[in-house]
Amino acid sequence: MADASLDQTQKAFQKQEAVFVGAKRAVGKKAKSNRYVRNVGLGFKTPKEAIEGTYVDKKCPFTGNVSIRGRILKGIVVSTKMNRTIVIRRDYLRFVKKYRRFEKRHSTISAHCSPAFRVKEGDVVTIGQCRPLSKTIRFNVLKVETATEAGALQAKKTFRLF
């Protein structure tokens, strides 16, 4: 029988690739929870929810089969409407040579958000580049810095440099 502590929210049985769920249990011994967790490196700590949680996410950098390499970026969360995906806004300045001035620009990036994080609109997140996870997603959330209630409402469209 499979481990009942795993979150089964999809129709297909969800399990971690690195954990064997069909092991026989010894009589009288307490079953130890087998969970695959790893350190992504680059100075980012593994969240407590990833270590102690019961979610199964193969695209999570802490519990799944995704390595972080390439760029590390920061941005403000604009949308959390998709399932396990958030949209991040990055503001930057571009120099216009003719007028010798800067113009404000922004770009939006879709990123996979592991269930280990609780993200709201207005939060500042650090994302790391990984392999393509879908058509538009090439980044994974590594760290979340929560925003204040008052600042989160106005932060959606305001220009912020990091």
C-alpha atoms as a PDB file:
ATOM      1  CA  MET A   1       0.000   0.000   0.000  1.00  0.00           C
ATOM      2  CA  ALA A   2       1.237   3.510  -0.789  1.00  0.00           C
ATOM      3  CA  ASP A   3       2.183   6.076   1.828  1.00  0.00           C
ATOM      4  CA  ALA A   4      -0.999   7.906   2.846  1.00  0.00           C
ATOM      5  CA  SER A   5       0.880  11.058   3.903  1.00  0.00           C
ATOM      6  CA  LEU A   6       1.417  12.214   0.302  1.00  0.00           C
ATOM      7  CA  ASP A   7      -0.926  14.869  -1.053  1.00  0.00           C
ATOM      8  CA  GLN A   8      -3.017  13.237  -3.775  1.00  0.00           C
ATOM      9  CA  THR A   9      -4.802  16.068  -5.581  1.00  0.00           C
ATOM     10  CA  GLN A  10      -4.507  14.808  -9.186  1.00  0.00           C
ATOM     11  CA  LYS A  11      -6.247  11.809 -10.722  1.00  0.00           C
ATOM     12  CA  ALA A  12      -2.920  10.067 -11.354  1.00  0.00           C
ATOM     13  CA  PHE A  13      -0.994   8.759  -8.335  1.00  0.00           C
ATOM     14  CA  GLN A  14       1.604  11.353  -7.307  1.00  0.00           C
ATOM     15  CA  LYS A  15       4.946  10.178  -5.931  1.00  0.00           C
ATOM     16  CA  GLN A  16       8.504  11.411  -5.761  1.00  0.00           C
ATOM     17  CA  GLU A  17      10.820   9.766  -8.293  1.00  0.00           C
ATOM     18  CA  ALA A  18      13.648   9.153  -5.797  1.00  0.00           C
ATOM     19  CA  VAL A  19      11.463   7.452  -3.144  1.00  0.00           C
ATOM     20  CA  PHE A  20      10.330   3.833  -3.298  1.00  0.00           C
ATOM     21  CA  VAL A  21       6.766   3.623  -1.900  1.00  0.00           C
ATOM     22  CA  GLY A  22       6.295  -0.153  -2.083  1.00  0.00           C
ATOM     23  CA  ALA A  23       8.610  -1.118   0.801  1.00  0.00           C
ATOM     24  CA  LYS A  24       7.398  -3.706   3.329  1.00  0.00           C
ATOM     25  CA  ARG A  25       6.875  -2.425   6.851  1.00  0.00           C
ATOM     26  CA  ALA A  26       8.247  -4.277   9.848  1.00  0.00           C
ATOM     27  CA  VAL A  27       5.719  -5.197  12.554  1.00  0.00           C
ATOM     28  CA  GLY A  28       5.851  -2.957  15.613  1.00  0.00           C
ATOM     29  CA  LYS A  29       8.168  -0.365  14.061  1.00  0.00           C
ATOM     30  CA  LYS A  30       7.005   3.165  13.448  1.00  0.00           C
ATOM     31  CA  ALA A  31       7.102   4.073   9.743  1.00  0.00           C
ATOM     32  CA  LYS A  32       9.617   6.816   8.974  1.00  0.00           C
ATOM     33  CA  SER A  33       8.473   9.291   6.358  1.00  0.00           C
ATOM     34  CA  ASN A  34      10.606   8.901   3.227  1.00  0.00           C
ATOM     35  CA  ARG A  35      10.955  12.245   1.485  1.00  0.00           C
ATOM     36  CA  TYR A  36      13.460  13.366  -1.121  1.00  0.00           C
ATOM     37  CA  VAL A  37      14.751  16.862  -0.345  1.00  0.00           C
ATOM     38  CA  ARG A  38      17.892  18.550  -1.621  1.00  0.00           C
ATOM     39  CA  ASN A  39      19.810  21.802  -1.361  1.00  0.00           C
ATOM     40  CA  VAL A  40      19.748  23.893  -4.548  1.00  0.00           C
ATOM     41  CA  GLY A  41      22.998  25.637  -3.593  1.00  0.00           C
ATOM     42  CA  LEU A  42      23.911  29.235  -4.488  1.00  0.00           C
ATOM     43  CA  GLY A  43      23.284  30.314  -0.878  1.00  0.00           C
ATOM     44  CA  PHE A  44      19.525  29.574  -0.878  1.00  0.00           C
ATOM     45  CA  LYS A  45      18.162  27.676   2.111  1.00  0.00           C
ATOM     46  CA  THR A  46      15.682  24.839   1.647  1.00  0.00           C
ATOM     47  CA  PRO A  47      12.309  26.005   3.062  1.00  0.00           C
ATOM     48  CA  LYS A  48      10.921  24.247   6.142  1.00  0.00           C
ATOM     49  CA  GLU A  49       7.715  23.389   4.267  1.00  0.00           C
ATOM     50  CA  ALA A  50       9.742  21.522   1.624  1.00  0.00           C
ATOM     51  CA  ILE A  51      11.408  19.357   4.286  1.00  0.00           C
ATOM     52  CA  GLU A  52       8.368  18.706   6.491  1.00  0.00           C
ATOM     53  CA  GLY A  53       5.566  19.024   3.897  1.00  0.00           C
ATOM     54  CA  THR A  54       3.710  16.250   2.102  1.00  0.00           C
ATOM     55  CA  TYR A  55       3.254  17.851  -1.321  1.00  0.00           C
ATOM     56  CA  VAL A  56       4.554  16.193  -4.498  1.00  0.00           C
ATOM     57  CA  ASP A  57       5.871  18.541  -7.182  1.00  0.00           C
ATOM     58  CA  LYS A  58       8.280  17.243  -9.808  1.00  0.00           C
ATOM     59  CA  LYS A  59       9.095  20.796 -10.955  1.00  0.00           C
ATOM     60  CA  CYS A  60      10.087  22.020  -7.468  1.00  0.00           C
ATOM     61  CA  PRO A  61      13.834  22.767  -7.183  1.00  0.00           C
ATOM     62  CA  PHE A  62      13.894  21.473  -3.587  1.00  0.00           C
ATOM     63  CA  THR A  63      11.915  18.212  -3.931  1.00  0.00           C
ATOM     64  CA  GLY A  64      11.816  17.565  -7.680  1.00  0.00           C
ATOM     65  CA  ASN A  65      14.070  16.964 -10.654  1.00  0.00           C
ATOM     66  CA  VAL A  66      14.998  20.552 -11.586  1.00  0.00           C
ATOM     67  CA  SER A  67      18.418  22.147 -11.275  1.00  0.00           C
ATOM     68  CA  ILE A  68      18.962  25.890 -11.008  1.00  0.00           C
ATOM     69  CA  ARG A  69      21.559  27.307 -13.391  1.00  0.00           C
ATOM     70  CA  GLY A  70      22.061  30.553 -15.248  1.00  0.00           C
ATOM     71  CA  ARG A  71      20.464  33.803 -14.154  1.00  0.00           C
ATOM     72  CA  ILE A  72      19.152  34.753 -10.698  1.00  0.00           C
ATOM     73  CA  LEU A  73      16.580  37.587 -10.880  1.00  0.00           C
ATOM     74  CA  LYS A  74      14.367  39.614  -8.527  1.00  0.00           C
ATOM     75  CA  GLY A  75      10.918  40.979  -9.229  1.00  0.00           C
ATOM     76  CA  ILE A  76       7.479  41.854  -7.892  1.00  0.00           C
ATOM     77  CA  VAL A  77       4.633  39.345  -8.070  1.00  0.00           C
ATOM     78  CA  VAL A  78       1.859  40.679 -10.309  1.00  0.00           C
ATOM     79  CA  SER A  79      -0.435  37.651 -10.638  1.00  0.00           C
ATOM     80  CA  THR A  80      -0.980  34.381  -8.775  1.00  0.00           C
ATOM     81  CA  LYS A  81      -4.058  33.218 -10.697  1.00  0.00           C
ATOM     82  CA  MET A  82      -2.466  30.184 -12.379  1.00  0.00           C
ATOM     83  CA  ASN A  83      -1.934  26.807 -10.747  1.00  0.00           C
ATOM     84  CA  ARG A  84       1.613  26.706  -9.289  1.00  0.00           C
ATOM     85  CA  THR A  85       2.665  29.540 -11.604  1.00  0.00           C
ATOM     86  CA  ILE A  86       3.153  33.234 -10.850  1.00  0.00           C
ATOM     87  CA  VAL A  87       3.804  36.255 -13.066  1.00  0.00           C
ATOM     88  CA  ILE A  88       6.655  38.567 -12.061  1.00  0.00           C
ATOM     89  CA  ARG A  89       7.218  42.172 -13.159  1.00  0.00           C
ATOM     90  CA  ARG A  90      10.792  43.447 -13.554  1.00  0.00           C
ATOM     91  CA  ASP A  91      11.385  47.183 -13.981  1.00  0.00           C
ATOM     92  CA  TYR A  92      14.475  48.597 -15.670  1.00  0.00           C
ATOM     93  CA  LEU A  93      15.779  51.784 -17.280  1.00  0.00           C
ATOM     94  CA  ARG A  94      16.829  52.092 -20.947  1.00  0.00           C
ATOM     95  CA  PHE A  95      19.049  54.924 -22.151  1.00  0.00           C
ATOM     96  CA  VAL A  96      17.842  56.866 -25.214  1.00  0.00           C
ATOM     97  CA  LYS A  97      20.961  58.298 -26.865  1.00  0.00           C
ATOM     98  CA  LYS A  98      19.200  61.002 -28.910  1.00  0.00           C
ATOM     99  CA  TYR A  99      17.661  62.679 -25.838  1.00  0.00           C
ATOM    100  CA  ARG A 100      20.393  61.612 -23.387  1.00  0.00           C
ATOM    101  CA  ARG A 101      17.773  60.427 -20.930  1.00  0.00           C
ATOM    102  CA  PHE A 102      16.476  57.191 -19.480  1.00  0.00           C
ATOM    103  CA  GLU A 103      13.061  55.726 -20.178  1.00  0.00           C
ATOM    104  CA  LYS A 104      11.221  53.388 -17.839  1.00  0.00           C
ATOM    105  CA  ARG A 105      10.489  49.910 -19.146  1.00  0.00           C
ATOM    106  CA  HIS A 106       9.255  46.647 -17.682  1.00  0.00           C
ATOM    107  CA  SER A 107       9.101  42.975 -18.578  1.00  0.00           C
ATOM    108  CA  THR A 108       6.969  40.159 -17.217  1.00  0.00           C
ATOM    109  CA  ILE A 109       8.278  36.663 -16.525  1.00  0.00           C
ATOM    110  CA  SER A 110       6.298  33.542 -15.711  1.00  0.00           C
ATOM    111  CA  ALA A 111       7.844  31.378 -12.994  1.00  0.00           C
ATOM    112  CA  HIS A 112       6.971  28.074 -11.341  1.00  0.00           C
ATOM    113  CA  CYS A 113       6.065  28.503  -7.666  1.00  0.00           C
ATOM    114  CA  SER A 114       6.494  25.451  -5.454  1.00  0.00           C
ATOM    115  CA  PRO A 115       3.770  24.675  -2.871  1.00  0.00           C
ATOM    116  CA  ALA A 116       6.475  25.266  -0.233  1.00  0.00           C
ATOM    117  CA  PHE A 117       5.951  29.018  -0.676  1.00  0.00           C
ATOM    118  CA  ARG A 118       2.898  31.142   0.174  1.00  0.00           C
ATOM    119  CA  VAL A 119       3.022  33.989  -2.345  1.00  0.00           C
ATOM    120  CA  LYS A 120       0.718  36.999  -2.598  1.00  0.00           C
ATOM    121  CA  GLU A 121       0.576  39.836  -5.116  1.00  0.00           C
ATOM    122  CA  GLY A 122       3.085  42.558  -4.265  1.00  0.00           C
ATOM    123  CA  ASP A 123       5.669  40.196  -2.728  1.00  0.00           C
ATOM    124  CA  VAL A 124       9.264  40.473  -3.883  1.00  0.00           C
ATOM    125  CA  VAL A 125      10.556  37.102  -5.094  1.00  0.00           C
ATOM    126  CA  THR A 126      13.956  35.805  -6.151  1.00  0.00           C
ATOM    127  CA  ILE A 127      13.798  33.441  -9.127  1.00  0.00           C
ATOM    128  CA  GLY A 128      16.433  31.204 -10.659  1.00  0.00           C
ATOM    129  CA  GLN A 129      16.721  30.014 -14.236  1.00  0.00           C
ATOM    130  CA  CYS A 130      16.189  26.326 -14.955  1.00  0.00           C
ATOM    131  CA  ARG A 131      15.389  24.120 -17.939  1.00  0.00           C
ATOM    132  CA  PRO A 132      12.140  24.886 -19.817  1.00  0.00           C
ATOM    133  CA  LEU A 133       9.260  23.583 -17.666  1.00  0.00           C
ATOM    134  CA  SER A 134       6.533  24.522 -20.173  1.00  0.00           C
ATOM    135  CA  LYS A 135       6.032  26.774 -23.190  1.00  0.00           C
ATOM    136  CA  THR A 136       6.607  30.005 -21.238  1.00  0.00           C
ATOM    137  CA  ILE A 137       8.157  28.944 -17.909  1.00  0.00           C
ATOM    138  CA  ARG A 138      11.947  28.905 -17.572  1.00  0.00           C
ATOM    139  CA  PHE A 139      12.295  30.152 -13.988  1.00  0.00           C
ATOM    140  CA  ASN A 140      11.625  28.759 -10.497  1.00  0.00           C
ATOM    141  CA  VAL A 141      10.923  30.652  -7.249  1.00  0.00           C
ATOM    142  CA  LEU A 142      13.802  30.328  -4.758  1.00  0.00           C
ATOM    143  CA  LYS A 143      12.972  32.919  -2.080  1.00  0.00           C
ATOM    144  CA  VAL A 144      10.005  35.078  -1.081  1.00  0.00           C
ATOM    145  CA  GLU A 145      10.157  38.420   0.766  1.00  0.00           C
ATOM    146  CA  THR A 146       6.672  39.329   1.952  1.00  0.00           C
ATOM    147  CA  ALA A 147       5.317  42.826   1.294  1.00  0.00           C
ATOM    148  CA  THR A 148       3.346  44.950   3.737  1.00  0.00           C
ATOM    149  CA  GLU A 149      -0.427  45.182   3.284  1.00  0.00           C
ATOM    150  CA  ALA A 150      -0.466  48.881   2.318  1.00  0.00           C
ATOM    151  CA  GLY A 151       2.525  48.617  -0.001  1.00  0.00           C
ATOM    152  CA  ALA A 152       1.260  45.503  -1.754  1.00  0.00           C
ATOM    153  CA  LEU A 153      -1.854  47.198  -3.141  1.00  0.00           C
ATOM    154  CA  GLN A 154      -0.006  50.082  -4.805  1.00  0.00           C
ATOM    155  CA  ALA A 155       3.083  48.053  -5.782  1.00  0.00           C
ATOM    156  CA  LYS A 156       1.418  46.328  -8.718  1.00  0.00           C
ATOM    157  CA  LYS A 157       2.120  49.042 -11.299  1.00  0.00           C
ATOM    158  CA  THR A 158       4.627  51.308  -9.558  1.00  0.00           C
ATOM    159  CA  PHE A 159       8.186  51.421 -10.870  1.00  0.00           C
ATOM    160  CA  ARG A 160      10.723  49.757  -8.528  1.00  0.00           C
ATOM    161  CA  LEU A 161      14.369  49.076  -9.277  1.00  0.00           C
ATOM    162  CA  PHE A 162      16.334  46.406  -7.434  1.00  0.00           C
END
